[in-house]
Amino acid sequence: MRRFTDTHVFRTEVFSLGIDNETAGYYLSTPISGVSGAVEFETCYAISEAEYRRFVDNPPLAIPFVEDCRMGREEKRRLA
């Protein structure tokens, strides 16, 4: 079984939400640029159940968090 299972994909806002199968917790994943900016890779960040439900109900509310992740301000919540 894969560790991460996407439950919602938001193409316009460029992020996904899902379940971490190892912890049964929730995550948000988004593409992150490498140091040179030339390489993008998908990275997952832990979120609470309340954040998960809020972002599912209103995806634009996740944008500030997504931007914080992309800028490296949420590294403590990074899962993979």
PDB file of N, CA and C in Angstrom:
ATOM      1  N   MET A   1       0.851  -1.180   0.000  1.00  0.00           N
ATOM      2  CA  MET A   1       0.000   0.000   0.000  1.00  0.00           C
ATOM      3  C   MET A   1       0.897   1.245   0.000  1.00  0.00           C
ATOM      4  N   ARG A   2       0.503   2.205  -0.763  1.00  0.00           N
ATOM      5  CA  ARG A   2       1.218   3.482  -0.794  1.00  0.00           C
ATOM      6  C   ARG A   2       0.984   4.245   0.500  1.00  0.00           C
ATOM      7  N   ARG A   3       1.977   5.077   0.858  1.00  0.00           N
ATOM      8  CA  ARG A   3       1.840   5.840   2.102  1.00  0.00           C
ATOM      9  C   ARG A   3       0.749   6.899   1.992  1.00  0.00           C
ATOM     10  N   PHE A   4       0.683   7.606   0.869  1.00  0.00           N
ATOM     11  CA  PHE A   4      -0.236   8.727   0.717  1.00  0.00           C
ATOM     12  C   PHE A   4      -1.325   8.408  -0.297  1.00  0.00           C
ATOM     13  N   THR A   5      -2.567   8.710   0.071  1.00  0.00           N
ATOM     14  CA  THR A   5      -3.699   8.514  -0.836  1.00  0.00           C
ATOM     15  C   THR A   5      -4.430   9.847  -0.993  1.00  0.00           C
ATOM     16  N   ASP A   6      -4.398  10.375  -2.210  1.00  0.00           N
ATOM     17  CA  ASP A   6      -5.122  11.621  -2.483  1.00  0.00           C
ATOM     18  C   ASP A   6      -6.618  11.375  -2.419  1.00  0.00           C
ATOM     19  N   THR A   7      -7.331  12.263  -1.750  1.00  0.00           N
ATOM     20  CA  THR A   7      -8.785  12.194  -1.706  1.00  0.00           C
ATOM     21  C   THR A   7      -9.420  13.313  -2.529  1.00  0.00           C
ATOM     22  N   HIS A   8      -8.695  14.420  -2.693  1.00  0.00           N
ATOM     23  CA  HIS A   8      -9.179  15.570  -3.458  1.00  0.00           C
ATOM     24  C   HIS A   8      -8.009  16.195  -4.203  1.00  0.00           C
ATOM     25  N   VAL A   9      -8.214  16.500  -5.472  1.00  0.00           N
ATOM     26  CA  VAL A   9      -7.194  17.165  -6.286  1.00  0.00           C
ATOM     27  C   VAL A   9      -7.786  18.476  -6.786  1.00  0.00           C
ATOM     28  N   PHE A  10      -7.083  19.558  -6.498  1.00  0.00           N
ATOM     29  CA  PHE A  10      -7.530  20.897  -6.902  1.00  0.00           C
ATOM     30  C   PHE A  10      -6.538  21.445  -7.925  1.00  0.00           C
ATOM     31  N   ARG A  11      -6.847  21.241  -9.187  1.00  0.00           N
ATOM     32  CA  ARG A  11      -5.932  21.620 -10.266  1.00  0.00           C
ATOM     33  C   ARG A  11      -5.753  23.134 -10.371  1.00  0.00           C
ATOM     34  N   THR A  12      -6.811  23.883 -10.201  1.00  0.00           N
ATOM     35  CA  THR A  12      -6.722  25.340 -10.306  1.00  0.00           C
ATOM     36  C   THR A  12      -5.808  25.906  -9.229  1.00  0.00           C
ATOM     37  N   GLU A  13      -5.952  25.422  -8.004  1.00  0.00           N
ATOM     38  CA  GLU A  13      -5.157  25.923  -6.880  1.00  0.00           C
ATOM     39  C   GLU A  13      -3.815  25.205  -6.748  1.00  0.00           C
ATOM     40  N   VAL A  14      -3.621  24.140  -7.515  1.00  0.00           N
ATOM     41  CA  VAL A  14      -2.387  23.354  -7.602  1.00  0.00           C
ATOM     42  C   VAL A  14      -1.996  22.721  -6.252  1.00  0.00           C
ATOM     43  N   PHE A  15      -2.919  21.962  -5.686  1.00  0.00           N
ATOM     44  CA  PHE A  15      -2.612  21.161  -4.500  1.00  0.00           C
ATOM     45  C   PHE A  15      -3.590  20.001  -4.409  1.00  0.00           C
ATOM     46  N   SER A  16      -3.217  19.032  -3.582  1.00  0.00           N
ATOM     47  CA  SER A  16      -4.069  17.881  -3.310  1.00  0.00           C
ATOM     48  C   SER A  16      -4.186  17.707  -1.806  1.00  0.00           C
ATOM     49  N   LEU A  17      -5.277  17.066  -1.398  1.00  0.00           N
ATOM     50  CA  LEU A  17      -5.485  16.710  -0.002  1.00  0.00           C
ATOM     51  C   LEU A  17      -5.648  15.202   0.070  1.00  0.00           C
ATOM     52  N   GLY A  18      -5.265  14.636   1.205  1.00  0.00           N
ATOM     53  CA  GLY A  18      -5.426  13.204   1.323  1.00  0.00           C
ATOM     54  C   GLY A  18      -5.143  12.682   2.708  1.00  0.00           C
ATOM     55  N   ILE A  19      -5.014  11.335   2.767  1.00  0.00           N
ATOM     56  CA  ILE A  19      -4.803  10.599   4.003  1.00  0.00           C
ATOM     57  C   ILE A  19      -3.408   9.971   3.978  1.00  0.00           C
ATOM     58  N   ASP A  20      -2.680  10.125   5.095  1.00  0.00           N
ATOM     59  CA  ASP A  20      -1.394   9.459   5.290  1.00  0.00           C
ATOM     60  C   ASP A  20      -1.713   8.078   5.855  1.00  0.00           C
ATOM     61  N   ASN A  21      -1.497   7.051   5.073  1.00  0.00           N
ATOM     62  CA  ASN A  21      -1.877   5.696   5.479  1.00  0.00           C
ATOM     63  C   ASN A  21      -1.032   5.155   6.629  1.00  0.00           C
ATOM     64  N   GLU A  22       0.140   5.732   6.889  1.00  0.00           N
ATOM     65  CA  GLU A  22       0.971   5.284   8.018  1.00  0.00           C
ATOM     66  C   GLU A  22       0.465   5.832   9.348  1.00  0.00           C
ATOM     67  N   THR A  23      -0.041   7.056   9.335  1.00  0.00           N
ATOM     68  CA  THR A  23      -0.440   7.705  10.591  1.00  0.00           C
ATOM     69  C   THR A  23      -1.946   7.907  10.718  1.00  0.00           C
ATOM     70  N   ALA A  24      -2.679   7.707   9.623  1.00  0.00           N
ATOM     71  CA  ALA A  24      -4.115   7.993   9.540  1.00  0.00           C
ATOM     72  C   ALA A  24      -4.391   9.487   9.677  1.00  0.00           C
ATOM     73  N   GLY A  25      -3.348  10.307   9.518  1.00  0.00           N
ATOM     74  CA  GLY A  25      -3.506  11.757   9.545  1.00  0.00           C
ATOM     75  C   GLY A  25      -3.811  12.307   8.167  1.00  0.00           C
ATOM     76  N   TYR A  26      -3.940  13.593   8.105  1.00  0.00           N
ATOM     77  CA  TYR A  26      -4.267  14.277   6.852  1.00  0.00           C
ATOM     78  C   TYR A  26      -3.045  15.023   6.325  1.00  0.00           C
ATOM     79  N   TYR A  27      -3.032  15.242   5.016  1.00  0.00           N
ATOM     80  CA  TYR A  27      -1.932  15.992   4.413  1.00  0.00           C
ATOM     81  C   TYR A  27      -2.424  16.865   3.270  1.00  0.00           C
ATOM     82  N   LEU A  28      -1.606  17.840   2.948  1.00  0.00           N
ATOM     83  CA  LEU A  28      -1.752  18.659   1.742  1.00  0.00           C
ATOM     84  C   LEU A  28      -0.471  18.452   0.955  1.00  0.00           C
ATOM     85  N   SER A  29      -0.570  18.203  -0.337  1.00  0.00           N
ATOM     86  CA  SER A  29       0.618  18.076  -1.179  1.00  0.00           C
ATOM     87  C   SER A  29       0.574  19.132  -2.270  1.00  0.00           C
ATOM     88  N   THR A  30       1.763  19.611  -2.621  1.00  0.00           N
ATOM     89  CA  THR A  30       1.890  20.637  -3.650  1.00  0.00           C
ATOM     90  C   THR A  30       3.268  20.529  -4.285  1.00  0.00           C
ATOM     91  N   PRO A  31       3.414  20.930  -5.537  1.00  0.00           N
ATOM     92  CA  PRO A  31       4.745  20.918  -6.148  1.00  0.00           C
ATOM     93  C   PRO A  31       5.637  21.990  -5.514  1.00  0.00           C
ATOM     94  N   ILE A  32       6.884  21.622  -5.274  1.00  0.00           N
ATOM     95  CA  ILE A  32       7.882  22.518  -4.698  1.00  0.00           C
ATOM     96  C   ILE A  32       9.058  22.575  -5.663  1.00  0.00           C
ATOM     97  N   SER A  33       9.582  23.769  -5.898  1.00  0.00           N
ATOM     98  CA  SER A  33      10.754  23.923  -6.761  1.00  0.00           C
ATOM     99  C   SER A  33      12.016  23.632  -5.977  1.00  0.00           C
ATOM    100  N   GLY A  34      12.986  23.031  -6.666  1.00  0.00           N
ATOM    101  CA  GLY A  34      14.289  22.788  -6.058  1.00  0.00           C
ATOM    102  C   GLY A  34      15.047  24.090  -5.883  1.00  0.00           C
ATOM    103  N   VAL A  35      16.256  23.999  -5.352  1.00  0.00           N
ATOM    104  CA  VAL A  35      17.074  25.174  -5.066  1.00  0.00           C
ATOM    105  C   VAL A  35      17.283  26.026  -6.303  1.00  0.00           C
ATOM    106  N   SER A  36      17.536  25.394  -7.423  1.00  0.00           N
ATOM    107  CA  SER A  36      17.779  26.142  -8.661  1.00  0.00           C
ATOM    108  C   SER A  36      16.488  26.612  -9.317  1.00  0.00           C
ATOM    109  N   GLY A  37      15.360  26.098  -8.832  1.00  0.00           N
ATOM    110  CA  GLY A  37      14.072  26.459  -9.416  1.00  0.00           C
ATOM    111  C   GLY A  37      13.753  25.685 -10.676  1.00  0.00           C
ATOM    112  N   ALA A  38      14.683  24.849 -11.111  1.00  0.00           N
ATOM    113  CA  ALA A  38      14.501  24.128 -12.367  1.00  0.00           C
ATOM    114  C   ALA A  38      13.732  22.822 -12.192  1.00  0.00           C
ATOM    115  N   VAL A  39      13.741  22.268 -10.999  1.00  0.00           N
ATOM    116  CA  VAL A  39      13.118  20.974 -10.755  1.00  0.00           C
ATOM    117  C   VAL A  39      11.950  21.143  -9.806  1.00  0.00           C
ATOM    118  N   GLU A  40      10.825  20.527 -10.144  1.00  0.00           N
ATOM    119  CA  GLU A  40       9.672  20.532  -9.244  1.00  0.00           C
ATOM    120  C   GLU A  40       9.422  19.112  -8.778  1.00  0.00           C
ATOM    121  N   PHE A  41       9.050  18.975  -7.515  1.00  0.00           N
ATOM    122  CA  PHE A  41       8.699  17.679  -6.973  1.00  0.00           C
ATOM    123  C   PHE A  41       7.547  17.851  -6.003  1.00  0.00           C
ATOM    124  N   GLU A  42       6.768  16.799  -5.864  1.00  0.00           N
ATOM    125  CA  GLU A  42       5.592  16.829  -4.990  1.00  0.00           C
ATOM    126  C   GLU A  42       6.034  16.629  -3.546  1.00  0.00           C
ATOM    127  N   THR A  43       5.546  17.475  -2.647  1.00  0.00           N
ATOM    128  CA  THR A  43       5.884  17.384  -1.240  1.00  0.00           C
ATOM    129  C   THR A  43       4.602  17.417  -0.415  1.00  0.00           C
ATOM    130  N   CYS A  44       4.573  16.606   0.642  1.00  0.00           N
ATOM    131  CA  CYS A  44       3.397  16.502   1.496  1.00  0.00           C
ATOM    132  C   CYS A  44       3.654  17.172   2.839  1.00  0.00           C
ATOM    133  N   TYR A  45       2.623  17.832   3.354  1.00  0.00           N
ATOM    134  CA  TYR A  45       2.683  18.543   4.630  1.00  0.00           C
ATOM    135  C   TYR A  45       1.522  18.098   5.508  1.00  0.00           C
ATOM    136  N   ALA A  46       1.802  17.847   6.784  1.00  0.00           N
ATOM    137  CA  ALA A  46       0.763  17.438   7.726  1.00  0.00           C
ATOM    138  C   ALA A  46      -0.193  18.597   7.982  1.00  0.00           C
ATOM    139  N   ILE A  47      -1.468  18.276   7.991  1.00  0.00           N
ATOM    140  CA  ILE A  47      -2.499  19.253   8.349  1.00  0.00           C
ATOM    141  C   ILE A  47      -3.463  18.587   9.328  1.00  0.00           C
ATOM    142  N   SER A  48      -4.162  19.402  10.074  1.00  0.00           N
ATOM    143  CA  SER A  48      -5.146  18.870  11.027  1.00  0.00           C
ATOM    144  C   SER A  48      -6.419  18.455  10.300  1.00  0.00           C
ATOM    145  N   GLU A  49      -7.255  17.731  11.000  1.00  0.00           N
ATOM    146  CA  GLU A  49      -8.553  17.363  10.425  1.00  0.00           C
ATOM    147  C   GLU A  49      -9.379  18.615  10.149  1.00  0.00           C
ATOM    148  N   ALA A  50      -9.302  19.606  11.025  1.00  0.00           N
ATOM    149  CA  ALA A  50     -10.054  20.853  10.822  1.00  0.00           C
ATOM    150  C   ALA A  50      -9.565  21.578   9.563  1.00  0.00           C
ATOM    151  N   GLU A  51      -8.249  21.632   9.359  1.00  0.00           N
ATOM    152  CA  GLU A  51      -7.714  22.255   8.136  1.00  0.00           C
ATOM    153  C   GLU A  51      -8.163  21.478   6.908  1.00  0.00           C
ATOM    154  N   TYR A  52      -8.081  20.156   6.981  1.00  0.00           N
ATOM    155  CA  TYR A  52      -8.501  19.310   5.867  1.00  0.00           C
ATOM    156  C   TYR A  52      -9.949  19.627   5.477  1.00  0.00           C
ATOM    157  N   ARG A  53     -10.826  19.628   6.440  1.00  0.00           N
ATOM    158  CA  ARG A  53     -12.252  19.877   6.158  1.00  0.00           C
ATOM    159  C   ARG A  53     -12.477  21.293   5.624  1.00  0.00           C
ATOM    160  N   ARG A  54     -11.774  22.271   6.188  1.00  0.00           N
ATOM    161  CA  ARG A  54     -11.900  23.657   5.733  1.00  0.00           C
ATOM    162  C   ARG A  54     -11.426  23.786   4.280  1.00  0.00           C
ATOM    163  N   PHE A  55     -10.289  23.150   3.944  1.00  0.00           N
ATOM    164  CA  PHE A  55      -9.750  23.245   2.585  1.00  0.00           C
ATOM    165  C   PHE A  55     -10.612  22.479   1.578  1.00  0.00           C
ATOM    166  N   VAL A  56     -11.208  21.359   2.005  1.00  0.00           N
ATOM    167  CA  VAL A  56     -12.127  20.618   1.126  1.00  0.00           C
ATOM    168  C   VAL A  56     -13.347  21.486   0.813  1.00  0.00           C
ATOM    169  N   ASP A  57     -13.890  22.114   1.837  1.00  0.00           N
ATOM    170  CA  ASP A  57     -15.093  22.931   1.669  1.00  0.00           C
ATOM    171  C   ASP A  57     -14.843  24.210   0.876  1.00  0.00           C
ATOM    172  N   ASN A  58     -13.631  24.769   0.991  1.00  0.00           N
ATOM    173  CA  ASN A  58     -13.328  26.049   0.339  1.00  0.00           C
ATOM    174  C   ASN A  58     -11.848  26.067  -0.049  1.00  0.00           C
ATOM    175  N   PRO A  59     -11.486  25.438  -1.188  1.00  0.00           N
ATOM    176  CA  PRO A  59     -10.084  25.303  -1.578  1.00  0.00           C
ATOM    177  C   PRO A  59      -9.269  26.611  -1.593  1.00  0.00           C
ATOM    178  N   PRO A  60      -9.820  27.756  -1.989  1.00  0.00           N
ATOM    179  CA  PRO A  60      -8.998  28.972  -1.959  1.00  0.00           C
ATOM    180  C   PRO A  60      -8.468  29.338  -0.567  1.00  0.00           C
ATOM    181  N   LEU A  61      -9.121  28.854   0.498  1.00  0.00           N
ATOM    182  CA  LEU A  61      -8.614  29.111   1.847  1.00  0.00           C
ATOM    183  C   LEU A  61      -7.247  28.470   2.079  1.00  0.00           C
ATOM    184  N   ALA A  62      -6.891  27.473   1.286  1.00  0.00           N
ATOM    185  CA  ALA A  62      -5.603  26.792   1.439  1.00  0.00           C
ATOM    186  C   ALA A  62      -4.446  27.562   0.817  1.00  0.00           C
ATOM    187  N   ILE A  63      -4.717  28.524  -0.039  1.00  0.00           N
ATOM    188  CA  ILE A  63      -3.660  29.204  -0.791  1.00  0.00           C
ATOM    189  C   ILE A  63      -2.587  29.816   0.104  1.00  0.00           C
ATOM    190  N   PRO A  64      -2.907  30.532   1.184  1.00  0.00           N
ATOM    191  CA  PRO A  64      -1.828  31.054   2.037  1.00  0.00           C
ATOM    192  C   PRO A  64      -0.930  29.945   2.603  1.00  0.00           C
ATOM    193  N   PHE A  65      -1.531  28.818   2.997  1.00  0.00           N
ATOM    194  CA  PHE A  65      -0.738  27.700   3.505  1.00  0.00           C
ATOM    195  C   PHE A  65       0.131  27.110   2.394  1.00  0.00           C
ATOM    196  N   VAL A  66      -0.436  26.943   1.200  1.00  0.00           N
ATOM    197  CA  VAL A  66       0.318  26.417   0.062  1.00  0.00           C
ATOM    198  C   VAL A  66       1.517  27.326  -0.229  1.00  0.00           C
ATOM    199  N   GLU A  67       1.298  28.627  -0.228  1.00  0.00           N
ATOM    200  CA  GLU A  67       2.397  29.564  -0.483  1.00  0.00           C
ATOM    201  C   GLU A  67       3.458  29.471   0.608  1.00  0.00           C
ATOM    202  N   ASP A  68       3.035  29.335   1.872  1.00  0.00           N
ATOM    203  CA  ASP A  68       3.997  29.163   2.960  1.00  0.00           C
ATOM    204  C   ASP A  68       4.826  27.896   2.753  1.00  0.00           C
ATOM    205  N   CYS A  69       4.190  26.828   2.307  1.00  0.00           N
ATOM    206  CA  CYS A  69       4.917  25.582   2.024  1.00  0.00           C
ATOM    207  C   CYS A  69       5.939  25.803   0.916  1.00  0.00           C
ATOM    208  N   ARG A  70       5.533  26.433  -0.143  1.00  0.00           N
ATOM    209  CA  ARG A  70       6.432  26.666  -1.288  1.00  0.00           C
ATOM    210  C   ARG A  70       7.601  27.577  -0.933  1.00  0.00           C
ATOM    211  N   MET A  71       7.391  28.461   0.047  1.00  0.00           N
ATOM    212  CA  MET A  71       8.452  29.381   0.461  1.00  0.00           C
ATOM    213  C   MET A  71       9.323  28.802   1.584  1.00  0.00           C
ATOM    214  N   GLY A  72       9.036  27.579   1.995  1.00  0.00           N
ATOM    215  CA  GLY A  72       9.840  26.927   3.017  1.00  0.00           C
ATOM    216  C   GLY A  72       9.491  27.309   4.445  1.00  0.00           C
ATOM    217  N   ARG A  73       8.336  27.936   4.629  1.00  0.00           N
ATOM    218  CA  ARG A  73       7.952  28.387   5.974  1.00  0.00           C
ATOM    219  C   ARG A  73       7.174  27.340   6.770  1.00  0.00           C
ATOM    220  N   GLU A  74       6.948  26.170   6.180  1.00  0.00           N
ATOM    221  CA  GLU A  74       6.204  25.105   6.881  1.00  0.00           C
ATOM    222  C   GLU A  74       7.005  23.803   6.928  1.00  0.00           C
ATOM    223  N   GLU A  75       8.323  23.922   6.944  1.00  0.00           N
ATOM    224  CA  GLU A  75       9.185  22.724   6.939  1.00  0.00           C
ATOM    225  C   GLU A  75       8.912  21.802   8.127  1.00  0.00           C
ATOM    226  N   LYS A  76       8.525  22.347   9.259  1.00  0.00           N
ATOM    227  CA  LYS A  76       8.261  21.499  10.438  1.00  0.00           C
ATOM    228  C   LYS A  76       7.091  20.556  10.205  1.00  0.00           C
ATOM    229  N   ARG A  77       6.254  20.866   9.218  1.00  0.00           N
ATOM    230  CA  ARG A  77       5.086  20.018   8.924  1.00  0.00           C
ATOM    231  C   ARG A  77       5.313  19.128   7.707  1.00  0.00           C
ATOM    232  N   ARG A  78       6.493  19.206   7.133  1.00  0.00           N
ATOM    233  CA  ARG A  78       6.800  18.437   5.921  1.00  0.00           C
ATOM    234  C   ARG A  78       6.891  16.937   6.238  1.00  0.00           C
ATOM    235  N   LEU A  79       6.207  16.145   5.412  1.00  0.00           N
ATOM    236  CA  LEU A  79       6.190  14.698   5.587  1.00  0.00           C
ATOM    237  C   LEU A  79       7.104  13.992   4.593  1.00  0.00           C
ATOM    238  N   ALA A  80       7.097  14.424   3.365  1.00  0.00           N
ATOM    239  CA  ALA A  80       7.919  13.757   2.326  1.00  0.00           C
ATOM    240  C   ALA A  80       8.143  14.708   1.178  1.00  0.00           C
TER     241      ALA A  80
END
